[in-house]
Protein backbone atom coordinates (compact mmCIF):
# COMPACT_ATOMS: atom_id res chain seq x y z
CA MET A 1 -40.30 -47.88 -77.74
CA ALA A 2 -36.83 -48.30 -78.30
CA VAL A 3 -33.57 -46.10 -80.34
CA GLU A 4 -30.81 -48.00 -81.64
CA HIS A 5 -27.92 -47.62 -84.29
CA PHE A 6 -27.47 -50.13 -87.41
CA VAL A 7 -23.52 -49.82 -88.52
CA LEU A 8 -23.03 -50.17 -91.90
CA PRO A 9 -19.08 -50.52 -92.69
CA ASP A 10 -17.89 -49.44 -95.93
CA PHE A 11 -21.72 -48.48 -97.23
CA GLU A 12 -21.69 -48.34 -100.60
CA LEU A 13 -23.99 -45.61 -102.05
CA GLU A 14 -25.63 -45.65 -105.42
CA SER A 15 -23.29 -42.68 -106.89
CA GLY A 16 -20.52 -44.86 -106.22
CA GLN A 17 -19.12 -43.33 -103.16
CA THR A 18 -18.33 -45.46 -99.71
CA LEU A 19 -19.57 -44.22 -96.53
CA PRO A 20 -16.90 -46.06 -94.36
CA GLU A 21 -19.45 -46.27 -91.57
CA ALA A 22 -22.90 -45.36 -92.66
CA ILE A 23 -25.22 -45.51 -89.17
CA LEU A 24 -28.77 -46.05 -89.36
CA THR A 25 -30.82 -44.87 -86.60
CA TYR A 26 -33.93 -46.63 -86.03
CA ALA A 27 -36.78 -46.66 -83.62
CA THR A 28 -38.68 -49.90 -82.79
CA TYR A 29 -42.21 -50.47 -81.24
CA GLY A 30 -43.81 -53.57 -80.00
CA GLU A 31 -42.73 -57.25 -80.31
CA LEU A 32 -41.52 -59.11 -83.06
CA ALA A 33 -43.12 -62.32 -83.12
CA PRO A 34 -41.78 -65.82 -82.87
CA GLY A 35 -42.52 -66.58 -86.67
CA LYS A 36 -40.98 -62.79 -87.64
CA ASP A 37 -44.61 -62.18 -89.74
CA ASN A 38 -45.63 -59.40 -87.94
CA ALA A 39 -43.45 -56.49 -89.28
CA ILE A 40 -43.79 -53.22 -90.48
CA VAL A 41 -41.67 -51.09 -91.72
CA PHE A 42 -42.99 -47.10 -91.49
CA PRO A 43 -39.73 -44.45 -92.83
CA THR A 44 -39.44 -40.79 -92.30
CA TRP A 45 -40.24 -37.64 -94.05
CA PHE A 46 -38.38 -34.52 -95.00
CA ALA A 47 -36.95 -33.45 -92.25
CA GLY A 48 -38.90 -35.51 -89.87
CA THR A 49 -37.80 -37.97 -87.13
CA HIS A 50 -39.25 -41.31 -85.59
CA GLN A 51 -41.13 -38.89 -83.29
CA ALA A 52 -43.38 -37.57 -86.39
CA ASN A 53 -44.92 -41.06 -86.93
CA GLU A 54 -45.84 -41.97 -83.88
CA TRP A 55 -49.52 -40.47 -84.05
CA LEU A 56 -49.99 -43.58 -86.13
CA ILE A 57 -48.30 -46.39 -83.38
CA GLY A 58 -49.70 -47.66 -80.02
CA PRO A 59 -52.05 -50.04 -78.66
CA GLY A 60 -55.41 -49.59 -80.17
CA ARG A 61 -53.88 -46.97 -82.64
CA PRO A 62 -53.93 -47.80 -86.39
CA ILE A 63 -50.96 -49.49 -86.18
CA ASP A 64 -51.62 -51.48 -83.19
CA THR A 65 -48.45 -52.38 -81.42
CA ASP A 66 -50.05 -55.08 -79.37
CA ARG A 67 -50.07 -56.95 -82.70
CA TYR A 68 -47.39 -55.32 -84.76
CA PHE A 69 -43.50 -54.91 -84.84
CA VAL A 70 -42.93 -51.60 -86.40
CA ILE A 71 -39.16 -50.50 -87.32
CA VAL A 72 -38.99 -46.95 -87.90
CA PRO A 73 -35.80 -46.02 -89.98
CA ASN A 74 -34.59 -42.22 -89.98
CA THR A 75 -33.88 -41.15 -93.02
CA PHE A 76 -30.13 -40.02 -93.99
CA GLY A 77 -29.56 -36.38 -93.49
CA ASN A 78 -32.43 -36.40 -90.95
CA GLY A 79 -29.64 -35.56 -88.27
CA LEU A 80 -29.94 -38.74 -86.59
CA SER A 81 -28.53 -41.33 -89.25
CA SER A 82 -25.93 -40.24 -91.25
CA SER A 83 -25.60 -36.50 -91.94
CA PRO A 84 -23.80 -33.86 -93.02
CA SER A 85 -24.07 -32.79 -89.24
CA ASN A 86 -22.94 -35.90 -87.73
CA THR A 87 -20.25 -37.55 -90.27
CA PRO A 88 -16.82 -37.32 -89.76
CA ALA A 89 -14.39 -35.92 -92.35
CA PRO A 90 -13.63 -35.98 -95.15
CA PHE A 91 -17.78 -36.32 -95.26
CA ASP A 92 -18.64 -33.68 -93.38
CA GLY A 93 -21.00 -31.00 -93.75
CA PRO A 94 -21.03 -29.66 -97.83
CA LYS A 95 -18.71 -32.56 -98.65
CA PHE A 96 -21.38 -35.46 -97.36
CA PRO A 97 -21.99 -37.77 -100.70
CA ARG A 98 -25.40 -37.60 -102.05
CA ILE A 99 -27.71 -39.85 -101.16
CA THR A 100 -30.63 -41.54 -102.50
CA MET A 101 -34.11 -43.11 -102.14
CA ARG A 102 -32.77 -46.35 -103.25
CA ASP A 103 -29.86 -45.83 -101.10
CA ASN A 104 -31.86 -45.37 -97.99
CA VAL A 105 -33.98 -48.57 -98.74
CA GLU A 106 -30.90 -50.57 -99.39
CA ALA A 107 -29.90 -49.67 -95.71
CA GLN A 108 -33.43 -50.52 -94.58
CA TYR A 109 -33.13 -53.54 -96.35
CA ARG A 110 -30.27 -54.73 -94.55
CA LEU A 111 -31.41 -53.35 -91.04
CA VAL A 112 -34.64 -55.42 -91.39
CA THR A 113 -32.93 -58.82 -92.61
CA GLU A 114 -29.74 -58.82 -90.83
CA CYS A 115 -30.41 -57.14 -87.89
CA PHE A 116 -33.53 -58.69 -87.46
CA GLY A 117 -33.90 -61.97 -89.71
CA ILE A 118 -37.06 -60.68 -91.27
CA HIS A 119 -37.87 -61.60 -94.98
CA GLU A 120 -41.81 -60.84 -95.09
CA LEU A 121 -42.90 -57.40 -94.27
CA VAL A 122 -46.93 -57.05 -93.70
CA LEU A 123 -46.62 -53.34 -94.73
CA VAL A 124 -44.57 -50.51 -95.22
CA LEU A 125 -46.00 -47.25 -95.43
CA GLY A 126 -45.17 -43.66 -95.46
CA CYS A 127 -45.38 -39.97 -96.02
CA SER A 128 -44.31 -37.28 -98.52
CA MET A 129 -40.53 -38.36 -98.88
CA ALA A 130 -41.28 -41.56 -96.78
CA ALA A 131 -43.88 -42.72 -99.43
CA MET A 132 -40.99 -42.34 -102.06
CA GLN A 133 -39.48 -44.83 -99.58
CA THR A 134 -42.31 -46.88 -99.56
CA TYR A 135 -42.59 -46.99 -103.39
CA GLN A 136 -38.70 -47.89 -103.68
CA TRP A 137 -39.45 -50.81 -101.02
CA ALA A 138 -42.19 -52.39 -103.45
CA VAL A 139 -39.89 -51.99 -106.57
CA ASP A 140 -36.59 -53.08 -104.99
CA HIS A 141 -38.30 -55.56 -102.99
CA PRO A 142 -41.49 -57.10 -104.48
CA GLY A 143 -41.37 -60.47 -103.03
CA MET A 144 -40.93 -59.17 -99.36
CA VAL A 145 -43.48 -56.29 -99.09
CA ARG A 146 -46.97 -58.00 -98.99
CA ARG A 147 -48.77 -54.53 -98.90
CA ALA A 148 -47.86 -50.66 -99.18
CA LEU A 149 -49.51 -47.57 -98.30
CA PRO A 150 -47.50 -44.56 -99.78
CA TYR A 151 -49.66 -40.96 -98.84
CA CYS A 152 -49.33 -37.64 -99.97
CA GLY A 153 -46.25 -39.01 -102.28
CA ALA A 154 -45.05 -40.19 -105.73
CA PRO A 155 -42.82 -42.89 -107.26
CA ARG A 156 -41.22 -40.07 -109.30
CA THR A 157 -40.62 -36.16 -108.17
CA PRO A 158 -42.58 -34.78 -110.85
CA ALA A 159 -41.67 -32.05 -112.93
CA HIS A 160 -43.38 -29.03 -110.90
CA GLY A 161 -42.35 -30.47 -107.45
CA ARG A 162 -38.45 -30.71 -108.76
CA LEU A 163 -38.79 -26.69 -109.46
CA PHE A 164 -40.47 -26.47 -105.84
CA VAL A 165 -37.48 -28.18 -104.52
CA ASP A 166 -34.80 -26.17 -106.35
CA SER A 167 -36.03 -22.89 -105.25
CA LEU A 168 -35.71 -24.33 -101.51
CA ARG A 169 -32.08 -25.30 -102.48
CA ALA A 170 -31.74 -21.61 -103.68
CA ALA A 171 -33.30 -20.21 -100.46
CA LEU A 172 -30.37 -22.11 -98.55
CA THR A 173 -27.64 -21.61 -101.01
CA ALA A 174 -27.76 -17.92 -102.53
CA SER A 175 -25.43 -16.50 -99.67
CA SER A 176 -23.02 -19.49 -99.91
CA ASN A 177 -19.38 -19.05 -101.16
CA GLU A 178 -17.49 -21.55 -103.50
CA ALA A 179 -16.75 -24.14 -100.69
CA GLY A 180 -20.37 -24.35 -100.12
CA GLU A 181 -20.30 -22.24 -96.86
CA LEU A 182 -23.05 -19.74 -95.68
CA THR A 183 -21.67 -16.07 -95.63
CA ILE A 184 -24.98 -15.12 -93.80
CA PRO A 185 -26.09 -16.49 -90.64
CA PRO A 186 -27.96 -19.84 -90.68
CA ARG A 187 -30.78 -18.73 -89.17
CA THR A 188 -31.58 -15.96 -91.61
CA ALA A 189 -31.08 -18.48 -94.64
CA LEU A 190 -33.52 -21.10 -92.60
CA GLU A 191 -36.05 -18.25 -92.09
CA THR A 192 -36.07 -17.28 -96.09
CA PHE A 193 -36.19 -21.65 -96.50
CA ALA A 194 -39.32 -21.76 -94.16
CA ARG A 195 -41.10 -18.98 -96.24
CA VAL A 196 -40.84 -20.37 -99.26
CA PHE A 197 -41.97 -23.77 -97.83
CA ALA A 198 -44.89 -22.17 -95.88
CA ALA A 199 -46.74 -21.00 -99.56
CA TRP A 200 -46.79 -24.61 -100.55
CA GLY A 201 -47.39 -26.51 -97.72
CA PHE A 202 -50.84 -25.71 -96.93
CA SER A 203 -53.68 -24.99 -99.76
CA GLN A 204 -55.02 -21.55 -100.79
CA SER A 205 -58.29 -22.92 -99.66
CA PHE A 206 -56.83 -23.41 -96.30
CA HIS A 207 -56.01 -19.61 -96.09
CA ARG A 208 -59.03 -18.52 -97.77
CA GLN A 209 -61.18 -20.34 -95.48
CA GLU A 210 -59.01 -19.49 -92.50
CA THR A 211 -58.43 -23.18 -91.48
CA TYR A 212 -55.23 -21.99 -89.68
CA ARG A 213 -57.50 -21.01 -86.52
CA ALA A 214 -57.86 -24.59 -85.93
CA LEU A 215 -54.06 -24.39 -85.07
CA GLU A 216 -54.76 -21.73 -82.98
CA PHE A 217 -53.14 -19.18 -85.41
CA SER A 218 -54.86 -15.90 -86.33
CA SER A 219 -53.74 -15.11 -89.78
CA PRO A 220 -51.58 -16.80 -92.67
CA GLU A 221 -48.48 -14.39 -91.77
CA GLU A 222 -48.21 -15.94 -87.83
CA THR A 223 -49.01 -19.39 -89.00
CA THR A 224 -45.52 -18.53 -91.08
CA GLU A 225 -43.97 -17.89 -88.32
CA LYS A 226 -44.87 -20.37 -85.52
CA PHE A 227 -45.77 -22.81 -87.97
CA TRP A 228 -43.05 -23.09 -90.34
CA ILE A 229 -40.42 -20.80 -89.16
CA ALA A 230 -40.37 -22.36 -85.88
CA ASN A 231 -40.32 -26.09 -87.56
CA PHE A 232 -37.20 -25.43 -89.79
CA SER A 233 -35.10 -22.64 -87.63
CA ASP A 234 -33.14 -24.57 -85.52
CA LEU A 235 -32.05 -27.38 -88.08
CA ASP A 236 -28.72 -28.01 -90.00
CA VAL A 237 -28.37 -26.02 -93.37
CA ASP A 238 -26.40 -28.96 -94.96
CA ASN A 239 -28.56 -31.50 -93.61
CA LEU A 240 -31.68 -30.04 -95.16
CA LEU A 241 -29.52 -29.94 -98.65
CA SER A 242 -28.87 -33.13 -98.51
CA GLN A 243 -32.34 -34.60 -97.85
CA LEU A 244 -33.12 -31.74 -100.85
CA ASP A 245 -30.99 -34.09 -103.26
CA THR A 246 -32.90 -37.19 -102.18
CA TRP A 247 -36.18 -35.64 -102.57
CA ILE A 248 -35.34 -34.12 -106.20
CA THR A 249 -33.50 -37.31 -107.53
CA GLY A 250 -36.69 -39.56 -106.23
CA ASP A 251 -37.34 -41.84 -108.92
CA ILE A 252 -37.92 -45.80 -109.01
CA SER A 253 -37.03 -45.97 -112.15
CA ARG A 254 -33.66 -44.54 -112.35
CA GLY A 255 -30.67 -46.97 -112.82
CA SER A 256 -30.05 -49.97 -115.33
CA ARG A 257 -32.95 -51.64 -114.35
CA PHE A 258 -35.74 -49.93 -115.69
CA ASP A 259 -33.53 -47.41 -117.61
CA GLY A 260 -36.25 -44.47 -116.68
CA ASP A 261 -39.53 -46.27 -117.86
CA LEU A 262 -41.91 -45.75 -114.80
CA ALA A 263 -44.62 -47.55 -116.23
CA ALA A 264 -42.12 -50.75 -116.07
CA ALA A 265 -40.96 -50.15 -112.77
CA LEU A 266 -44.49 -49.64 -111.30
CA GLY A 267 -45.71 -52.99 -113.19
CA ALA A 268 -43.14 -54.67 -111.29
CA ILE A 269 -44.65 -53.99 -108.29
CA GLU A 270 -46.44 -56.82 -106.56
CA ALA A 271 -47.83 -55.79 -103.01
CA SER A 272 -51.25 -54.78 -102.77
CA LEU A 273 -50.76 -50.64 -102.75
CA VAL A 274 -53.10 -48.09 -101.97
CA SER A 275 -52.01 -44.63 -102.70
CA LEU A 276 -53.66 -41.70 -100.50
CA ALA A 277 -53.48 -37.99 -102.15
CA CYS A 278 -55.11 -35.28 -100.81
CA GLU A 279 -56.97 -33.08 -103.49
CA THR A 280 -55.07 -29.68 -102.47
CA ASP A 281 -51.88 -31.07 -102.41
CA LEU A 282 -49.57 -28.97 -104.15
CA TYR A 283 -46.32 -31.29 -104.18
CA PHE A 284 -47.99 -34.27 -104.74
CA PRO A 285 -51.39 -33.82 -107.03
CA PRO A 286 -53.86 -36.65 -107.16
CA GLU A 287 -53.75 -36.95 -110.44
CA ASP A 288 -50.35 -37.68 -111.11
CA GLU A 289 -50.95 -40.66 -108.50
CA ALA A 290 -54.08 -42.10 -110.04
CA ALA A 291 -52.12 -41.93 -113.46
CA ALA A 292 -49.27 -43.83 -111.73
CA VAL A 293 -51.23 -46.30 -109.52
CA ALA A 294 -53.08 -47.64 -112.71
CA GLN A 295 -50.06 -48.95 -113.85
CA ILE A 296 -49.60 -51.32 -110.69
CA PRO A 297 -51.19 -54.87 -111.14
CA ASN A 298 -52.45 -55.05 -107.29
CA GLY A 299 -52.56 -50.90 -106.88
CA LYS A 300 -55.39 -48.24 -106.03
CA ALA A 301 -55.45 -44.74 -105.78
CA LEU A 302 -58.05 -43.05 -102.90
CA THR A 303 -58.33 -38.94 -102.91
CA ILE A 304 -57.95 -37.30 -99.56
CA SER A 305 -60.75 -34.62 -99.41
CA SER A 306 -59.22 -31.88 -97.33
CA VAL A 307 -58.16 -28.06 -97.79
CA TRP A 308 -55.16 -28.88 -95.67
CA GLY A 309 -53.22 -29.61 -98.60
CA HIS A 310 -49.47 -31.58 -98.30
CA GLN A 311 -50.37 -31.31 -94.37
CA ALA A 312 -52.83 -33.83 -94.56
CA GLY A 313 -50.64 -36.50 -94.29
CA GLY A 314 -49.06 -35.11 -91.20
CA GLY A 315 -51.74 -36.12 -88.94
CA VAL A 316 -52.48 -32.43 -87.76
CA ASP A 317 -55.74 -32.42 -90.07
CA PRO A 318 -58.39 -34.29 -88.22
CA GLY A 319 -59.95 -35.87 -91.36
CA GLY A 320 -56.62 -36.48 -93.27
CA ALA A 321 -55.72 -38.53 -89.90
CA GLU A 322 -58.87 -40.26 -89.90
CA MET A 323 -58.85 -41.61 -93.55
CA ILE A 324 -55.28 -42.55 -93.14
CA GLY A 325 -55.72 -44.53 -90.32
CA GLN A 326 -58.92 -46.30 -91.51
CA GLN A 327 -56.87 -47.41 -94.93
CA VAL A 328 -53.97 -48.41 -92.31
CA ARG A 329 -56.44 -50.74 -90.82
CA GLN A 330 -58.47 -51.95 -93.88
CA LEU A 331 -55.00 -52.71 -95.59
CA LEU A 332 -53.84 -54.61 -92.59
CA GLU A 333 -56.95 -56.66 -92.49
CA SER A 334 -56.89 -57.70 -96.01
CA ALA A 335 -55.42 -60.83 -97.73
CA GLY A 336 -52.42 -58.70 -99.03
């Protein structure tokens, strides 16, 4: 595994703003074939880094690095790629420009084509916010993406999902001044944020059946403390707010090309696409995915049977991990 930085001078964003020097930090696994025909792109999810994807990558794993070359680009705002926390003035902190899914995919496209000379991807995949980037890849570059596997995600943030993201944003900004600066310790705001997240991340059945004991926690309260608060409490508030903006505006049909017509955007996808939704996911329910994928010419929607909710896609749920790995293998063996 190697971690590198791809610099994009004067990177124009979908908003019309320009980052003088955008940096896309990425990790690679395996070797690019001489014909450059074995490449996979696997973006990162909300608040995650390339390390969170490694459970699927490696020799003998579903994404077998003895066969495939894997590029894992870190999503803008995650603290490794350009983010509020690492960008110099005048775009530092709360002044960091808004980033969309399309901005992320455009930077990734330039990395893949300009840095590696790759013009065909055997697979693009990802979980949650990375699933949304997977859909964006398939729409923006239909002739390049042969196969796509979005899981625990959607082509557009649904209405109830926007309400959830708005509640997360409120938890982080309720104690901010007019300049967007916190008036309370950041850790206090982050703990409140994590507690809101905790009520959505796993399903009701996960707690009712005490499935948290599989993580060696004794109660929902301990799960909140040691899983959710532990995950978020040391992160940067402005980075999270940036990624929340990316999440809440996620929509493959936005812009002049489709003018909000989601069915038209989905119909433009040429890849063989398999969508996996968890039956208890409170963010991206399977009925939404089934309706969306029905509009894709070569699309198929499958359901993960699990009480782990959205976390069925995170590699911590044994059943979810097994089904995701199985579908990765089957899709890679398909004609595409």
